[in-house]
Amino acid sequence: LNLIGADTLYGRYWGATEEVPFLHFELCYYQAIDAAIARGLKTVEAGAQGEHKLARGYVPVPTWSAHYIPHPAFRRAVAEFVEREREAIAAESEYLGELTPFRRG
């Protein structure tokens, strides 16, 4: 499932009933890029996670989400985890950003 915004194609959901080699990459990456180019979109946003995206030209970018957690103790625990995770993700993103297939400088 891809959603089309004003200037971005957002890839969000994928599924198949059988294993077909490379189908995921064809549909979720290559066809998404082709569709965005054909529609004159500026960006393809392929969703969070996945080091496999680097080889396909997707560079790490921050993503955000908003959630309300009503239970105070659970909300605190999640907030503490997210704070620790934020630092780890920043370091990983910087490292992975150096591994992209694009020329620098």
PDB file of N, CA and C in Angstrom:
ATOM      1  N   LEU A   1       0.855  -1.170   0.000  1.00  0.00           N
ATOM      2  CA  LEU A   1       0.000   0.000   0.000  1.00  0.00           C
ATOM      3  C   LEU A   1       0.895   1.225   0.000  1.00  0.00           C
ATOM      4  N   ASN A   2       0.723   2.077  -0.965  1.00  0.00           N
ATOM      5  CA  ASN A   2       1.414   3.358  -1.009  1.00  0.00           C
ATOM      6  C   ASN A   2       0.380   4.462  -0.919  1.00  0.00           C
ATOM      7  N   LEU A   3       0.677   5.475  -0.158  1.00  0.00           N
ATOM      8  CA  LEU A   3      -0.177   6.655  -0.048  1.00  0.00           C
ATOM      9  C   LEU A   3       0.523   7.802  -0.756  1.00  0.00           C
ATOM     10  N   ILE A   4      -0.240   8.608  -1.481  1.00  0.00           N
ATOM     11  CA  ILE A   4       0.358   9.710  -2.231  1.00  0.00           C
ATOM     12  C   ILE A   4      -0.016  11.026  -1.567  1.00  0.00           C
ATOM     13  N   GLY A   5       1.019  11.789  -1.187  1.00  0.00           N
ATOM     14  CA  GLY A   5       0.829  13.109  -0.617  1.00  0.00           C
ATOM     15  C   GLY A   5       1.076  14.161  -1.684  1.00  0.00           C
ATOM     16  N   ALA A   6       1.191  15.399  -1.259  1.00  0.00           N
ATOM     17  CA  ALA A   6       1.375  16.514  -2.195  1.00  0.00           C
ATOM     18  C   ALA A   6       2.637  16.349  -3.041  1.00  0.00           C
ATOM     19  N   ASP A   7       3.733  15.925  -2.402  1.00  0.00           N
ATOM     20  CA  ASP A   7       4.985  15.763  -3.148  1.00  0.00           C
ATOM     21  C   ASP A   7       5.744  14.497  -2.762  1.00  0.00           C
ATOM     22  N   THR A   8       5.065  13.584  -2.041  1.00  0.00           N
ATOM     23  CA  THR A   8       5.732  12.391  -1.518  1.00  0.00           C
ATOM     24  C   THR A   8       4.850  11.157  -1.688  1.00  0.00           C
ATOM     25  N   LEU A   9       5.479  10.048  -2.019  1.00  0.00           N
ATOM     26  CA  LEU A   9       4.819   8.750  -2.013  1.00  0.00           C
ATOM     27  C   LEU A   9       5.256   8.054  -0.723  1.00  0.00           C
ATOM     28  N   TYR A  10       4.287   7.652   0.084  1.00  0.00           N
ATOM     29  CA  TYR A  10       4.557   7.016   1.369  1.00  0.00           C
ATOM     30  C   TYR A  10       4.270   5.522   1.254  1.00  0.00           C
ATOM     31  N   GLY A  11       5.300   4.688   1.352  1.00  0.00           N
ATOM     32  CA  GLY A  11       5.119   3.243   1.363  1.00  0.00           C
ATOM     33  C   GLY A  11       4.853   2.788   2.780  1.00  0.00           C
ATOM     34  N   ARG A  12       3.771   2.041   3.001  1.00  0.00           N
ATOM     35  CA  ARG A  12       3.429   1.681   4.364  1.00  0.00           C
ATOM     36  C   ARG A  12       3.177   0.202   4.611  1.00  0.00           C
ATOM     37  N   TYR A  13       2.482  -0.502   3.766  1.00  0.00           N
ATOM     38  CA  TYR A  13       2.129  -1.884   4.088  1.00  0.00           C
ATOM     39  C   TYR A  13       2.453  -2.809   2.929  1.00  0.00           C
ATOM     40  N   TRP A  14       2.883  -3.990   3.272  1.00  0.00           N
ATOM     41  CA  TRP A  14       3.290  -4.978   2.276  1.00  0.00           C
ATOM     42  C   TRP A  14       2.898  -6.348   2.794  1.00  0.00           C
ATOM     43  N   GLY A  15       2.486  -7.222   1.893  1.00  0.00           N
ATOM     44  CA  GLY A  15       2.198  -8.593   2.277  1.00  0.00           C
ATOM     45  C   GLY A  15       2.055  -9.459   1.040  1.00  0.00           C
ATOM     46  N   ALA A  16       2.272 -10.733   1.200  1.00  0.00           N
ATOM     47  CA  ALA A  16       2.135 -11.690   0.104  1.00  0.00           C
ATOM     48  C   ALA A  16       1.694 -13.025   0.678  1.00  0.00           C
ATOM     49  N   THR A  17       1.033 -13.806  -0.138  1.00  0.00           N
ATOM     50  CA  THR A  17       0.583 -15.118   0.322  1.00  0.00           C
ATOM     51  C   THR A  17       1.583 -16.215   0.016  1.00  0.00           C
ATOM     52  N   GLU A  18       2.596 -15.888  -0.781  1.00  0.00           N
ATOM     53  CA  GLU A  18       3.644 -16.864  -1.062  1.00  0.00           C
ATOM     54  C   GLU A  18       4.982 -16.145  -1.205  1.00  0.00           C
ATOM     55  N   GLU A  19       6.052 -16.879  -0.998  1.00  0.00           N
ATOM     56  CA  GLU A  19       7.405 -16.325  -1.109  1.00  0.00           C
ATOM     57  C   GLU A  19       7.813 -16.276  -2.579  1.00  0.00           C
ATOM     58  N   VAL A  20       8.104 -15.082  -3.053  1.00  0.00           N
ATOM     59  CA  VAL A  20       8.586 -14.891  -4.419  1.00  0.00           C
ATOM     60  C   VAL A  20       9.891 -14.099  -4.310  1.00  0.00           C
ATOM     61  N   PRO A  21      11.006 -14.668  -4.720  1.00  0.00           N
ATOM     62  CA  PRO A  21      12.282 -13.972  -4.575  1.00  0.00           C
ATOM     63  C   PRO A  21      12.242 -12.566  -5.169  1.00  0.00           C
ATOM     64  N   PHE A  22      12.706 -11.606  -4.383  1.00  0.00           N
ATOM     65  CA  PHE A  22      12.879 -10.205  -4.777  1.00  0.00           C
ATOM     66  C   PHE A  22      11.580  -9.444  -5.020  1.00  0.00           C
ATOM     67  N   LEU A  23      10.424 -10.065  -4.843  1.00  0.00           N
ATOM     68  CA  LEU A  23       9.158  -9.366  -5.080  1.00  0.00           C
ATOM     69  C   LEU A  23       9.001  -8.163  -4.159  1.00  0.00           C
ATOM     70  N   HIS A  24       9.384  -8.327  -2.894  1.00  0.00           N
ATOM     71  CA  HIS A  24       9.283  -7.221  -1.941  1.00  0.00           C
ATOM     72  C   HIS A  24      10.030  -5.993  -2.451  1.00  0.00           C
ATOM     73  N   PHE A  25      11.259  -6.184  -2.905  1.00  0.00           N
ATOM     74  CA  PHE A  25      12.057  -5.051  -3.362  1.00  0.00           C
ATOM     75  C   PHE A  25      11.494  -4.458  -4.644  1.00  0.00           C
ATOM     76  N   GLU A  26      11.032  -5.305  -5.533  1.00  0.00           N
ATOM     77  CA  GLU A  26      10.449  -4.811  -6.787  1.00  0.00           C
ATOM     78  C   GLU A  26       9.230  -3.925  -6.521  1.00  0.00           C
ATOM     79  N   LEU A  27       8.310  -4.431  -5.698  1.00  0.00           N
ATOM     80  CA  LEU A  27       7.078  -3.686  -5.454  1.00  0.00           C
ATOM     81  C   LEU A  27       7.271  -2.494  -4.517  1.00  0.00           C
ATOM     82  N   CYS A  28       7.984  -2.726  -3.423  1.00  0.00           N
ATOM     83  CA  CYS A  28       8.077  -1.699  -2.383  1.00  0.00           C
ATOM     84  C   CYS A  28       9.114  -0.627  -2.668  1.00  0.00           C
ATOM     85  N   TYR A  29      10.091  -0.918  -3.499  1.00  0.00           N
ATOM     86  CA  TYR A  29      11.140   0.061  -3.751  1.00  0.00           C
ATOM     87  C   TYR A  29      11.172   0.491  -5.211  1.00  0.00           C
ATOM     88  N   TYR A  30      11.473  -0.433  -6.103  1.00  0.00           N
ATOM     89  CA  TYR A  30      11.679  -0.048  -7.499  1.00  0.00           C
ATOM     90  C   TYR A  30      10.403   0.490  -8.142  1.00  0.00           C
ATOM     91  N   GLN A  31       9.284  -0.184  -7.953  1.00  0.00           N
ATOM     92  CA  GLN A  31       8.031   0.307  -8.533  1.00  0.00           C
ATOM     93  C   GLN A  31       7.570   1.596  -7.859  1.00  0.00           C
ATOM     94  N   ALA A  32       7.829   1.727  -6.564  1.00  0.00           N
ATOM     95  CA  ALA A  32       7.476   2.960  -5.856  1.00  0.00           C
ATOM     96  C   ALA A  32       8.273   4.137  -6.414  1.00  0.00           C
ATOM     97  N   ILE A  33       9.548   3.935  -6.651  1.00  0.00           N
ATOM     98  CA  ILE A  33      10.384   4.998  -7.228  1.00  0.00           C
ATOM     99  C   ILE A  33       9.895   5.348  -8.627  1.00  0.00           C
ATOM    100  N   ASP A  34       9.614   4.339  -9.449  1.00  0.00           N
ATOM    101  CA  ASP A  34       9.098   4.597 -10.805  1.00  0.00           C
ATOM    102  C   ASP A  34       7.785   5.369 -10.759  1.00  0.00           C
ATOM    103  N   ALA A  35       6.882   4.982  -9.864  1.00  0.00           N
ATOM    104  CA  ALA A  35       5.590   5.660  -9.752  1.00  0.00           C
ATOM    105  C   ALA A  35       5.765   7.110  -9.317  1.00  0.00           C
ATOM    106  N   ALA A  36       6.673   7.349  -8.379  1.00  0.00           N
ATOM    107  CA  ALA A  36       6.917   8.719  -7.916  1.00  0.00           C
ATOM    108  C   ALA A  36       7.480   9.581  -9.044  1.00  0.00           C
ATOM    109  N   ILE A  37       8.404   9.040  -9.809  1.00  0.00           N
ATOM    110  CA  ILE A  37       8.976   9.785 -10.943  1.00  0.00           C
ATOM    111  C   ILE A  37       7.890  10.088 -11.959  1.00  0.00           C
ATOM    112  N   ALA A  38       7.075   9.099 -12.289  1.00  0.00           N
ATOM    113  CA  ALA A  38       6.012   9.281 -13.279  1.00  0.00           C
ATOM    114  C   ALA A  38       5.007  10.346 -12.845  1.00  0.00           C
ATOM    115  N   ARG A  39       4.804  10.493 -11.540  1.00  0.00           N
ATOM    116  CA  ARG A  39       3.842  11.467 -11.019  1.00  0.00           C
ATOM    117  C   ARG A  39       4.489  12.797 -10.640  1.00  0.00           C
ATOM    118  N   GLY A  40       5.789  12.901 -10.851  1.00  0.00           N
ATOM    119  CA  GLY A  40       6.489  14.143 -10.527  1.00  0.00           C
ATOM    120  C   GLY A  40       6.627  14.406  -9.043  1.00  0.00           C
ATOM    121  N   LEU A  41       6.611  13.346  -8.236  1.00  0.00           N
ATOM    122  CA  LEU A  41       6.757  13.500  -6.787  1.00  0.00           C
ATOM    123  C   LEU A  41       8.224  13.681  -6.422  1.00  0.00           C
ATOM    124  N   LYS A  42       8.469  14.442  -5.388  1.00  0.00           N
ATOM    125  CA  LYS A  42       9.833  14.771  -4.975  1.00  0.00           C
ATOM    126  C   LYS A  42      10.499  13.666  -4.160  1.00  0.00           C
ATOM    127  N   THR A  43       9.693  12.926  -3.387  1.00  0.00           N
ATOM    128  CA  THR A  43      10.258  12.004  -2.400  1.00  0.00           C
ATOM    129  C   THR A  43       9.483  10.692  -2.365  1.00  0.00           C
ATOM    130  N   VAL A  44      10.205   9.614  -2.106  1.00  0.00           N
ATOM    131  CA  VAL A  44       9.592   8.335  -1.740  1.00  0.00           C
ATOM    132  C   VAL A  44      10.011   8.074  -0.307  1.00  0.00           C
ATOM    133  N   GLU A  45       9.053   7.964   0.577  1.00  0.00           N
ATOM    134  CA  GLU A  45       9.304   7.715   1.997  1.00  0.00           C
ATOM    135  C   GLU A  45       8.913   6.268   2.253  1.00  0.00           C
ATOM    136  N   ALA A  46       9.913   5.405   2.421  1.00  0.00           N
ATOM    137  CA  ALA A  46       9.669   3.959   2.475  1.00  0.00           C
ATOM    138  C   ALA A  46       9.387   3.421   3.867  1.00  0.00           C
ATOM    139  N   GLY A  47       9.228   4.277   4.855  1.00  0.00           N
ATOM    140  CA  GLY A  47       8.922   3.793   6.194  1.00  0.00           C
ATOM    141  C   GLY A  47      10.169   3.590   7.037  1.00  0.00           C
ATOM    142  N   ALA A  48       9.937   3.278   8.279  1.00  0.00           N
ATOM    143  CA  ALA A  48      11.020   3.146   9.245  1.00  0.00           C
ATOM    144  C   ALA A  48      11.704   1.783   9.131  1.00  0.00           C
ATOM    145  N   GLN A  49      12.925   1.749   9.585  1.00  0.00           N
ATOM    146  CA  GLN A  49      13.739   0.540   9.748  1.00  0.00           C
ATOM    147  C   GLN A  49      14.159  -0.091   8.425  1.00  0.00           C
ATOM    148  N   GLY A  50      15.170  -0.916   8.509  1.00  0.00           N
ATOM    149  CA  GLY A  50      15.596  -1.727   7.390  1.00  0.00           C
ATOM    150  C   GLY A  50      16.904  -1.313   6.757  1.00  0.00           C
ATOM    151  N   GLU A  51      17.998  -1.927   7.227  1.00  0.00           N
ATOM    152  CA  GLU A  51      19.304  -1.642   6.637  1.00  0.00           C
ATOM    153  C   GLU A  51      19.351  -2.021   5.164  1.00  0.00           C
ATOM    154  N   HIS A  52      18.480  -2.942   4.739  1.00  0.00           N
ATOM    155  CA  HIS A  52      18.435  -3.362   3.337  1.00  0.00           C
ATOM    156  C   HIS A  52      18.045  -2.216   2.408  1.00  0.00           C
ATOM    157  N   LYS A  53      17.482  -1.165   2.960  1.00  0.00           N
ATOM    158  CA  LYS A  53      17.066  -0.020   2.137  1.00  0.00           C
ATOM    159  C   LYS A  53      18.262   0.780   1.634  1.00  0.00           C
ATOM    160  N   LEU A  54      19.387   0.714   2.335  1.00  0.00           N
ATOM    161  CA  LEU A  54      20.571   1.483   1.942  1.00  0.00           C
ATOM    162  C   LEU A  54      21.025   1.160   0.524  1.00  0.00           C
ATOM    163  N   ALA A  55      21.102  -0.117   0.203  1.00  0.00           N
ATOM    164  CA  ALA A  55      21.580  -0.542  -1.113  1.00  0.00           C
ATOM    165  C   ALA A  55      20.618  -0.145  -2.217  1.00  0.00           C
ATOM    166  N   ARG A  56      19.408   0.229  -1.855  1.00  0.00           N
ATOM    167  CA  ARG A  56      18.400   0.612  -2.836  1.00  0.00           C
ATOM    168  C   ARG A  56      18.210   2.125  -2.901  1.00  0.00           C
ATOM    169  N   GLY A  57      19.134   2.861  -2.282  1.00  0.00           N
ATOM    170  CA  GLY A  57      19.135   4.309  -2.407  1.00  0.00           C
ATOM    171  C   GLY A  57      18.354   5.078  -1.370  1.00  0.00           C
ATOM    172  N   TYR A  58      17.860   4.409  -0.350  1.00  0.00           N
ATOM    173  CA  TYR A  58      17.126   5.100   0.707  1.00  0.00           C
ATOM    174  C   TYR A  58      18.087   5.416   1.845  1.00  0.00           C
ATOM    175  N   VAL A  59      18.221   6.679   2.162  1.00  0.00           N
ATOM    176  CA  VAL A  59      19.116   7.091   3.243  1.00  0.00           C
ATOM    177  C   VAL A  59      18.321   7.229   4.541  1.00  0.00           C
ATOM    178  N   PRO A  60      18.962   7.049   5.681  1.00  0.00           N
ATOM    179  CA  PRO A  60      18.251   7.169   6.956  1.00  0.00           C
ATOM    180  C   PRO A  60      17.765   8.602   7.182  1.00  0.00           C
ATOM    181  N   VAL A  61      16.512   8.722   7.552  1.00  0.00           N
ATOM    182  CA  VAL A  61      15.932  10.012   7.933  1.00  0.00           C
ATOM    183  C   VAL A  61      15.084   9.785   9.183  1.00  0.00           C
ATOM    184  N   PRO A  62      15.026  10.767  10.059  1.00  0.00           N
ATOM    185  CA  PRO A  62      14.203  10.609  11.264  1.00  0.00           C
ATOM    186  C   PRO A  62      12.724  10.503  10.900  1.00  0.00           C
ATOM    187  N   THR A  63      12.013   9.673  11.638  1.00  0.00           N
ATOM    188  CA  THR A  63      10.560   9.606  11.527  1.00  0.00           C
ATOM    189  C   THR A  63       9.977   9.797  12.915  1.00  0.00           C
ATOM    190  N   TRP A  64       8.737  10.188  12.973  1.00  0.00           N
ATOM    191  CA  TRP A  64       8.094  10.460  14.246  1.00  0.00           C
ATOM    192  C   TRP A  64       6.726   9.798  14.282  1.00  0.00           C
ATOM    193  N   SER A  65       6.270   9.563  15.469  1.00  0.00           N
ATOM    194  CA  SER A  65       4.891   9.123  15.679  1.00  0.00           C
ATOM    195  C   SER A  65       4.423   9.705  17.010  1.00  0.00           C
ATOM    196  N   ALA A  66       3.130   9.778  17.179  1.00  0.00           N
ATOM    197  CA  ALA A  66       2.561  10.323  18.409  1.00  0.00           C
ATOM    198  C   ALA A  66       1.586   9.312  18.999  1.00  0.00           C
ATOM    199  N   HIS A  67       1.730   9.052  20.292  1.00  0.00           N
ATOM    200  CA  HIS A  67       0.882   8.074  20.968  1.00  0.00           C
ATOM    201  C   HIS A  67       0.500   8.620  22.332  1.00  0.00           C
ATOM    202  N   TYR A  68      -0.690   8.316  22.755  1.00  0.00           N
ATOM    203  CA  TYR A  68      -1.110   8.653  24.101  1.00  0.00           C
ATOM    204  C   TYR A  68      -1.164   7.359  24.907  1.00  0.00           C
ATOM    205  N   ILE A  69      -0.449   7.341  26.009  1.00  0.00           N
ATOM    206  CA  ILE A  69      -0.425   6.165  26.878  1.00  0.00           C
ATOM    207  C   ILE A  69      -1.066   6.583  28.203  1.00  0.00           C
ATOM    208  N   PRO A  70      -2.279   6.130  28.472  1.00  0.00           N
ATOM    209  CA  PRO A  70      -3.021   6.629  29.632  1.00  0.00           C
ATOM    210  C   PRO A  70      -2.468   6.198  30.993  1.00  0.00           C
ATOM    211  N   HIS A  71      -1.843   5.046  31.082  1.00  0.00           N
ATOM    212  CA  HIS A  71      -1.362   4.558  32.373  1.00  0.00           C
ATOM    213  C   HIS A  71      -0.065   5.294  32.732  1.00  0.00           C
ATOM    214  N   PRO A  72      -0.037   6.061  33.834  1.00  0.00           N
ATOM    215  CA  PRO A  72       1.117   6.908  34.174  1.00  0.00           C
ATOM    216  C   PRO A  72       2.435   6.145  34.304  1.00  0.00           C
ATOM    217  N   ALA A  73       2.438   5.001  34.960  1.00  0.00           N
ATOM    218  CA  ALA A  73       3.689   4.253  35.152  1.00  0.00           C
ATOM    219  C   ALA A  73       4.189   3.707  33.817  1.00  0.00           C
ATOM    220  N   PHE A  74       3.281   3.203  33.020  1.00  0.00           N
ATOM    221  CA  PHE A  74       3.685   2.692  31.709  1.00  0.00           C
ATOM    222  C   PHE A  74       4.157   3.843  30.822  1.00  0.00           C
ATOM    223  N   ARG A  75       3.482   4.986  30.890  1.00  0.00           N
ATOM    224  CA  ARG A  75       3.889   6.164  30.118  1.00  0.00           C
ATOM    225  C   ARG A  75       5.310   6.593  30.488  1.00  0.00           C
ATOM    226  N   ARG A  76       5.632   6.591  31.795  1.00  0.00           N
ATOM    227  CA  ARG A  76       6.994   6.945  32.239  1.00  0.00           C
ATOM    228  C   ARG A  76       8.011   5.942  31.713  1.00  0.00           C
ATOM    229  N   ALA A  77       7.682   4.649  31.808  1.00  0.00           N
ATOM    230  CA  ALA A  77       8.608   3.615  31.335  1.00  0.00           C
ATOM    231  C   ALA A  77       8.873   3.768  29.840  1.00  0.00           C
ATOM    232  N   VAL A  78       7.838   4.017  29.080  1.00  0.00           N
ATOM    233  CA  VAL A  78       8.011   4.209  27.634  1.00  0.00           C
ATOM    234  C   VAL A  78       8.840   5.456  27.367  1.00  0.00           C
ATOM    235  N   ALA A  79       8.566   6.529  28.086  1.00  0.00           N
ATOM    236  CA  ALA A  79       9.322   7.777  27.893  1.00  0.00           C
ATOM    237  C   ALA A  79      10.802   7.583  28.190  1.00  0.00           C
ATOM    238  N   GLU A  80      11.119   6.839  29.251  1.00  0.00           N
ATOM    239  CA  GLU A  80      12.521   6.569  29.577  1.00  0.00           C
ATOM    240  C   GLU A  80      13.193   5.730  28.497  1.00  0.00           C
ATOM    241  N   PHE A  81      12.485   4.717  28.010  1.00  0.00           N
ATOM    242  CA  PHE A  81      13.034   3.896  26.926  1.00  0.00           C
ATOM    243  C   PHE A  81      13.267   4.730  25.674  1.00  0.00           C
ATOM    244  N   VAL A  82      12.295   5.533  25.309  1.00  0.00           N
ATOM    245  CA  VAL A  82      12.403   6.338  24.084  1.00  0.00           C
ATOM    246  C   VAL A  82      13.593   7.300  24.183  1.00  0.00           C
ATOM    247  N   GLU A  83      13.821   7.855  25.340  1.00  0.00           N
ATOM    248  CA  GLU A  83      14.962   8.762  25.513  1.00  0.00           C
ATOM    249  C   GLU A  83      16.284   8.033  25.281  1.00  0.00           C
ATOM    250  N   ARG A  84      16.415   6.837  25.847  1.00  0.00           N
ATOM    251  CA  ARG A  84      17.639   6.048  25.630  1.00  0.00           C
ATOM    252  C   ARG A  84      17.756   5.619  24.166  1.00  0.00           C
ATOM    253  N   GLU A  85      16.647   5.209  23.611  1.00  0.00           N
ATOM    254  CA  GLU A  85      16.655   4.737  22.227  1.00  0.00           C
ATOM    255  C   GLU A  85      16.999   5.862  21.246  1.00  0.00           C
ATOM    256  N   ARG A  86      16.567   7.065  21.546  1.00  0.00           N
ATOM    257  CA  ARG A  86      16.826   8.214  20.674  1.00  0.00           C
ATOM    258  C   ARG A  86      18.322   8.389  20.415  1.00  0.00           C
ATOM    259  N   GLU A  87      19.126   8.265  21.462  1.00  0.00           N
ATOM    260  CA  GLU A  87      20.579   8.392  21.318  1.00  0.00           C
ATOM    261  C   GLU A  87      21.145   7.266  20.462  1.00  0.00           C
ATOM    262  N   ALA A  88      20.690   6.043  20.704  1.00  0.00           N
ATOM    263  CA  ALA A  88      21.179   4.899  19.932  1.00  0.00           C
ATOM    264  C   ALA A  88      20.795   5.030  18.467  1.00  0.00           C
ATOM    265  N   ILE A  89      19.583   5.484  18.193  1.00  0.00           N
ATOM    266  CA  ILE A  89      19.129   5.640  16.811  1.00  0.00           C
ATOM    267  C   ILE A  89      19.926   6.736  16.108  1.00  0.00           C
ATOM    268  N   ALA A  90      20.222   7.815  16.794  1.00  0.00           N
ATOM    269  CA  ALA A  90      21.012   8.888  16.197  1.00  0.00           C
ATOM    270  C   ALA A  90      22.397   8.374  15.798  1.00  0.00           C
ATOM    271  N   ALA A  91      23.023   7.591  16.659  1.00  0.00           N
ATOM    272  CA  ALA A  91      24.347   7.042  16.348  1.00  0.00           C
ATOM    273  C   ALA A  91      24.262   6.059  15.181  1.00  0.00           C
ATOM    274  N   GLU A  92      23.253   5.196  15.183  1.00  0.00           N
ATOM    275  CA  GLU A  92      23.084   4.219  14.105  1.00  0.00           C
ATOM    276  C   GLU A  92      22.787   4.913  12.774  1.00  0.00           C
ATOM    277  N   SER A  93      21.979   5.942  12.818  1.00  0.00           N
ATOM    278  CA  SER A  93      21.633   6.689  11.607  1.00  0.00           C
ATOM    279  C   SER A  93      22.862   7.363  11.013  1.00  0.00           C
ATOM    280  N   GLU A  94      23.689   7.919  11.870  1.00  0.00           N
ATOM    281  CA  GLU A  94      24.927   8.552  11.398  1.00  0.00           C
ATOM    282  C   GLU A  94      25.840   7.515  10.745  1.00  0.00           C
ATOM    283  N   TYR A  95      25.988   6.364  11.402  1.00  0.00           N
ATOM    284  CA  TYR A  95      26.818   5.284  10.855  1.00  0.00           C
ATOM    285  C   TYR A  95      26.261   4.799   9.510  1.00  0.00           C
ATOM    286  N   LEU A  96      24.977   4.503   9.456  1.00  0.00           N
ATOM    287  CA  LEU A  96      24.374   3.998   8.219  1.00  0.00           C
ATOM    288  C   LEU A  96      24.409   5.040   7.106  1.00  0.00           C
ATOM    289  N   GLY A  97      24.322   6.314   7.477  1.00  0.00           N
ATOM    290  CA  GLY A  97      24.405   7.376   6.478  1.00  0.00           C
ATOM    291  C   GLY A  97      25.722   7.379   5.719  1.00  0.00           C
ATOM    292  N   GLU A  98      26.752   6.841   6.333  1.00  0.00           N
ATOM    293  CA  GLU A  98      28.056   6.741   5.672  1.00  0.00           C
ATOM    294  C   GLU A  98      28.127   5.563   4.693  1.00  0.00           C
ATOM    295  N   LEU A  99      27.167   4.655   4.774  1.00  0.00           N
ATOM    296  CA  LEU A  99      27.183   3.459   3.948  1.00  0.00           C
ATOM    297  C   LEU A  99      26.307   3.562   2.689  1.00  0.00           C
ATOM    298  N   THR A 100      25.719   4.711   2.458  1.00  0.00           N
ATOM    299  CA  THR A 100      24.852   4.854   1.296  1.00  0.00           C
ATOM    300  C   THR A 100      25.652   4.752   0.009  1.00  0.00           C
ATOM    301  N   PRO A 101      25.004   4.389  -1.092  1.00  0.00           N
ATOM    302  CA  PRO A 101      25.728   4.208  -2.353  1.00  0.00           C
ATOM    303  C   PRO A 101      25.996   5.527  -3.090  1.00  0.00           C
ATOM    304  N   PHE A 102      25.715   6.650  -2.474  1.00  0.00           N
ATOM    305  CA  PHE A 102      25.868   7.931  -3.150  1.00  0.00           C
ATOM    306  C   PHE A 102      27.251   8.543  -2.930  1.00  0.00           C
ATOM    307  N   ARG A 103      27.708   9.239  -3.925  1.00  0.00           N
ATOM    308  CA  ARG A 103      28.994   9.935  -3.850  1.00  0.00           C
ATOM    309  C   ARG A 103      28.870  11.112  -2.869  1.00  0.00           C
ATOM    310  N   ARG A 104      29.901  11.342  -2.116  1.00  0.00           N
ATOM    311  CA  ARG A 104      29.916  12.470  -1.174  1.00  0.00           C
ATOM    312  C   ARG A 104      30.897  13.528  -1.678  1.00  0.00           C
ATOM    313  N   GLY A 105      30.582  14.767  -1.308  1.00  0.00           N
ATOM    314  CA  GLY A 105      31.505  15.849  -1.625  1.00  0.00           C
ATOM    315  C   GLY A 105      31.275  16.415  -2.912  1.00  0.00           C
TER     316      GLY A 105
END
